[in-house]
Every structure is written in C-alpha cells, then in structure tokens.
Amino acid sequence: MYYKTSYESPIGVLTLAGKDGKLVGLWTEGQKYQAAAIERTMVQQDELPIFEKTKLWLDRYFAGQNPSLEGLPLAPIGGEFRQSVWSILCEIPYGELSTYGAIAKRIAKTRGIKKMASQAVGGAVGHNPISIIIPCHRVVGSNGSLVGYGGGIATKVKLLELEGVDPSLYSIPTKGTAL
C-alpha cells in the first residue's frame, strides 16, 4: 500500500509518498508526471516515520542547510536506466550544477558505449519521482539554459537560489515544455 502526506514549503505544498518505510515520491503541486509510477491510490497517513524523517530533511533544506541523504531511505520507482540517472543526480553537490550532456557521457562510459543521448538523460531526469531530494533541479542544458524542470522554471530558480547559485548566470528558456 502507498501512503501520502503533505508538507508546506516555501515553494508551495509538497506531496510525499511512501511505501514499506521508504520514500517513493515527492512532488510540487502540478508537477509534471506527478505520481506517474504509482499504480494504486495513495492513502493519507501523516504520521509515518519515513514522512517524519523526510519533513525534517526538508526543514533543514529550506533553512538553507545541506542535509545529508544518509538515513533517508529512498526508493524511486523506475527502470535500470532511470535509476542510474537518479543515482548520478544524488552525487551532484549542493549548490553546484551539472549538464544533461555530462551525465550522458558518464553513463556511456559506465556502460562501455560510445555515446548516450542527452535527450534520454533528460527524459529520466524529468521523470524523477523524488524531486528536490534527488536534485534534478541541479541539471542545466549544455548551453547554460535552465531547461527541464517538471515543477516549472520559477521553482527551479528558487531552489537554486536557496542553494546559493546565481540563476542570472544562466539563461531562462522563453518557450518549451518546462515552463
């Protein structure tokens, strides 16, 4: 059974989803692909230990701290390729950015293949079911564009500012699906 609760944050209400004592989802209101991998209805349950741990993590994060993922059991639902991308996202340091291309190169090297499409990485990043904690907001286009955040560019900018990144150093797309 899947459980859910909500969390009031500076970027709006977040929905948290858990199963078997692990966090399986964290979404902003109206986020693209929200709960896409969860096949059943979620039952409201505010007092689960995983939700308490996650809310403490979020409290620290939104207070401008760099909380550790240690002790926060994450179980994003997705295939092997997406899992590999999400694992790399967790390695992007707080306040730093990476590109879809850099992640694609890393996956290609790991798999022993010549090339991996940045668009494939973008699809996996866009389907990240545990936003903020698995920091997909720290990924930008190779041209320095703040593209590709399912919660919207304005939310991506707020999260980056919170981490001390100056978003004015990056371009904001004027058209596309991530707005």
Protein backbone atom coordinates (compact mmCIF):
# COMPACT_ATOMS: atom_id res chain seq x y z
CA MET A 1 0.00 0.00 0.00
CA TYR A 2 1.15 3.52 -0.81
CA TYR A 3 0.75 6.33 1.69
CA LYS A 4 0.86 10.09 1.27
CA THR A 5 1.13 13.25 3.29
CA SER A 6 1.75 16.91 2.53
CA TYR A 7 4.39 19.43 3.53
CA GLU A 8 4.05 23.22 3.45
CA SER A 9 7.22 24.61 1.88
CA PRO A 10 8.45 27.99 0.64
CA ILE A 11 7.76 26.80 -2.92
CA GLY A 12 4.23 25.58 -2.15
CA VAL A 13 2.62 22.41 -0.89
CA LEU A 14 4.66 19.27 -1.50
CA THR A 15 3.16 15.79 -1.65
CA LEU A 16 5.22 12.97 -0.13
CA ALA A 17 4.56 9.31 -0.95
CA GLY A 18 5.85 6.29 0.92
CA LYS A 19 5.71 2.52 0.84
CA ASP A 20 7.27 -0.09 3.12
CA GLY A 21 9.06 2.54 5.20
CA LYS A 22 10.71 4.20 2.20
CA LEU A 23 10.12 7.44 0.35
CA VAL A 24 8.90 6.73 -3.18
CA GLY A 25 7.71 10.19 -4.21
CA LEU A 26 7.98 13.91 -3.55
CA TRP A 27 6.23 16.36 -5.88
CA THR A 28 5.34 20.02 -6.10
CA GLU A 29 1.75 20.98 -6.86
CA GLY A 30 1.02 20.42 -10.53
CA GLN A 31 4.41 18.85 -11.20
CA LYS A 32 4.68 17.04 -14.50
CA TYR A 33 4.49 13.23 -14.13
CA GLN A 34 3.31 13.52 -10.51
CA ALA A 35 2.77 10.02 -9.08
CA ALA A 36 3.13 8.55 -12.59
CA ALA A 37 4.85 5.36 -11.37
CA ILE A 38 2.43 4.71 -8.51
CA GLU A 39 -0.19 2.28 -9.73
CA ARG A 40 -2.55 2.41 -6.78
CA THR A 41 -4.47 5.04 -4.89
CA MET A 42 -2.47 6.54 -2.03
CA VAL A 43 -3.92 6.56 1.48
CA GLN A 44 -3.49 9.70 3.58
CA GLN A 45 -1.21 8.89 6.55
CA ASP A 46 0.60 11.80 8.16
CA GLU A 47 2.47 10.09 10.97
CA LEU A 48 4.72 7.52 9.29
CA PRO A 49 8.40 7.50 10.36
CA ILE A 50 9.56 7.98 6.75
CA PHE A 51 7.43 11.11 6.48
CA GLU A 52 8.79 12.45 9.77
CA LYS A 53 12.38 11.89 8.54
CA THR A 54 11.60 13.47 5.18
CA LYS A 55 9.95 16.52 6.75
CA LEU A 56 13.00 17.04 8.98
CA TRP A 57 15.23 16.79 5.90
CA LEU A 58 13.03 19.34 4.10
CA ASP A 59 13.05 21.66 7.15
CA ARG A 60 16.85 21.67 7.04
CA TYR A 61 16.97 22.09 3.28
CA PHE A 62 14.58 25.05 3.23
CA ALA A 63 16.53 26.60 6.12
CA GLY A 64 19.48 26.82 3.72
CA GLN A 65 21.37 23.86 5.10
CA ASN A 66 22.82 20.96 3.15
CA PRO A 67 21.14 17.92 4.71
CA SER A 68 22.65 14.50 4.12
CA LEU A 69 20.77 11.71 2.38
CA GLU A 70 22.21 9.26 4.90
CA GLY A 71 19.43 7.66 6.93
CA LEU A 72 16.75 8.77 4.46
CA PRO A 73 15.58 5.58 2.71
CA LEU A 74 14.72 6.44 -0.88
CA ALA A 75 13.03 4.02 -3.27
CA PRO A 76 12.22 5.84 -6.51
CA ILE A 77 10.22 3.67 -8.86
CA GLY A 78 11.78 3.27 -12.29
CA GLY A 79 13.77 1.05 -14.60
CA GLU A 80 17.51 0.44 -14.58
CA PHE A 81 18.39 3.37 -16.85
CA ARG A 82 16.36 5.87 -14.84
CA GLN A 83 17.78 4.50 -11.59
CA SER A 84 21.32 5.05 -12.92
CA VAL A 85 20.49 8.66 -13.84
CA TRP A 86 18.85 9.34 -10.47
CA SER A 87 21.87 7.88 -8.69
CA ILE A 88 24.12 10.34 -10.53
CA LEU A 89 21.79 13.20 -9.62
CA CYS A 90 22.30 12.35 -5.94
CA GLU A 91 26.04 12.89 -6.45
CA ILE A 92 25.71 16.48 -7.71
CA PRO A 93 26.88 18.57 -4.75
CA TYR A 94 24.60 21.07 -3.05
CA GLY A 95 24.93 24.45 -4.77
CA GLU A 96 26.60 23.02 -7.88
CA LEU A 97 25.23 22.17 -11.30
CA SER A 98 25.76 19.54 -13.97
CA THR A 99 24.51 19.20 -17.54
CA TYR A 100 22.45 16.59 -19.31
CA GLY A 101 25.43 16.05 -21.62
CA ALA A 102 27.86 15.43 -18.76
CA ILE A 103 25.50 12.88 -17.24
CA ALA A 104 25.05 11.21 -20.65
CA LYS A 105 28.82 10.94 -21.10
CA ARG A 106 29.20 9.41 -17.67
CA ILE A 107 26.51 6.81 -18.33
CA ALA A 108 28.01 5.98 -21.73
CA LYS A 109 31.40 5.43 -20.13
CA THR A 110 29.92 3.27 -17.37
CA ARG A 111 28.06 1.16 -19.92
CA GLY A 112 31.06 0.88 -22.22
CA ILE A 113 29.29 2.51 -25.14
CA LYS A 114 30.50 5.28 -27.39
CA LYS A 115 27.63 7.71 -26.88
CA MET A 116 24.45 8.26 -24.88
CA ALA A 117 21.82 10.76 -25.97
CA SER A 118 21.35 13.77 -23.70
CA GLN A 119 17.64 13.59 -24.52
CA ALA A 120 17.42 10.12 -22.94
CA VAL A 121 19.01 11.53 -19.79
CA GLY A 122 16.59 14.45 -19.95
CA GLY A 123 13.66 12.04 -20.02
CA ALA A 124 14.95 10.21 -16.95
CA VAL A 125 15.64 13.48 -15.12
CA GLY A 126 12.15 14.73 -16.00
CA HIS A 127 10.57 11.57 -14.58
CA ASN A 128 12.44 11.82 -11.27
CA PRO A 129 9.76 10.87 -8.71
CA ILE A 130 11.57 12.33 -5.67
CA SER A 131 12.20 15.93 -6.65
CA ILE A 132 14.35 18.22 -4.51
CA ILE A 133 15.87 15.32 -2.54
CA ILE A 134 17.06 13.68 -5.75
CA PRO A 135 18.22 17.05 -7.07
CA CYS A 136 17.08 17.20 -10.69
CA HIS A 137 16.91 21.00 -10.31
CA ARG A 138 20.75 20.99 -10.40
CA VAL A 139 20.83 19.91 -14.06
CA VAL A 140 21.01 22.51 -16.85
CA GLY A 141 21.41 22.44 -20.60
CA SER A 142 24.92 22.40 -22.05
CA ASN A 143 24.25 25.90 -23.39
CA GLY A 144 23.64 27.19 -19.84
CA SER A 145 19.86 27.17 -20.10
CA LEU A 146 17.73 26.38 -17.04
CA VAL A 147 15.61 23.93 -19.02
CA GLY A 148 13.79 20.85 -17.92
CA TYR A 149 12.22 21.09 -14.51
CA GLY A 150 8.87 19.35 -14.07
CA GLY A 151 7.92 21.76 -11.29
CA GLY A 152 8.47 24.75 -13.57
CA ILE A 153 11.37 27.11 -14.19
CA ALA A 154 10.33 29.55 -11.43
CA THR A 155 10.56 26.74 -8.86
CA LYS A 156 13.92 25.61 -10.26
CA VAL A 157 15.23 29.17 -9.91
CA LYS A 158 14.02 29.39 -6.29
CA LEU A 159 15.69 26.09 -5.38
CA LEU A 160 18.97 27.12 -7.00
CA GLU A 161 18.88 30.50 -5.23
CA LEU A 162 18.30 28.73 -1.93
CA GLU A 163 21.48 26.71 -2.58
CA GLY A 164 23.47 29.86 -3.34
CA VAL A 165 23.53 29.51 -7.13
CA ASP A 166 23.12 32.76 -9.05
CA PRO A 167 20.47 31.92 -11.67
CA SER A 168 21.22 35.15 -13.55
CA LEU A 169 24.36 33.41 -14.84
CA TYR A 170 22.10 31.04 -16.79
CA SER A 171 19.55 31.68 -19.47
CA ILE A 172 15.87 31.05 -18.94
CA PRO A 173 14.03 29.49 -21.87
CA THR A 174 11.25 31.56 -23.39
CA LYS A 175 9.39 28.61 -24.87
CA GLY A 176 9.14 24.88 -24.27
CA THR A 177 7.51 22.31 -22.06
CA ALA A 178 9.48 23.07 -18.87
CA LEU A 179 7.93 26.49 -18.33
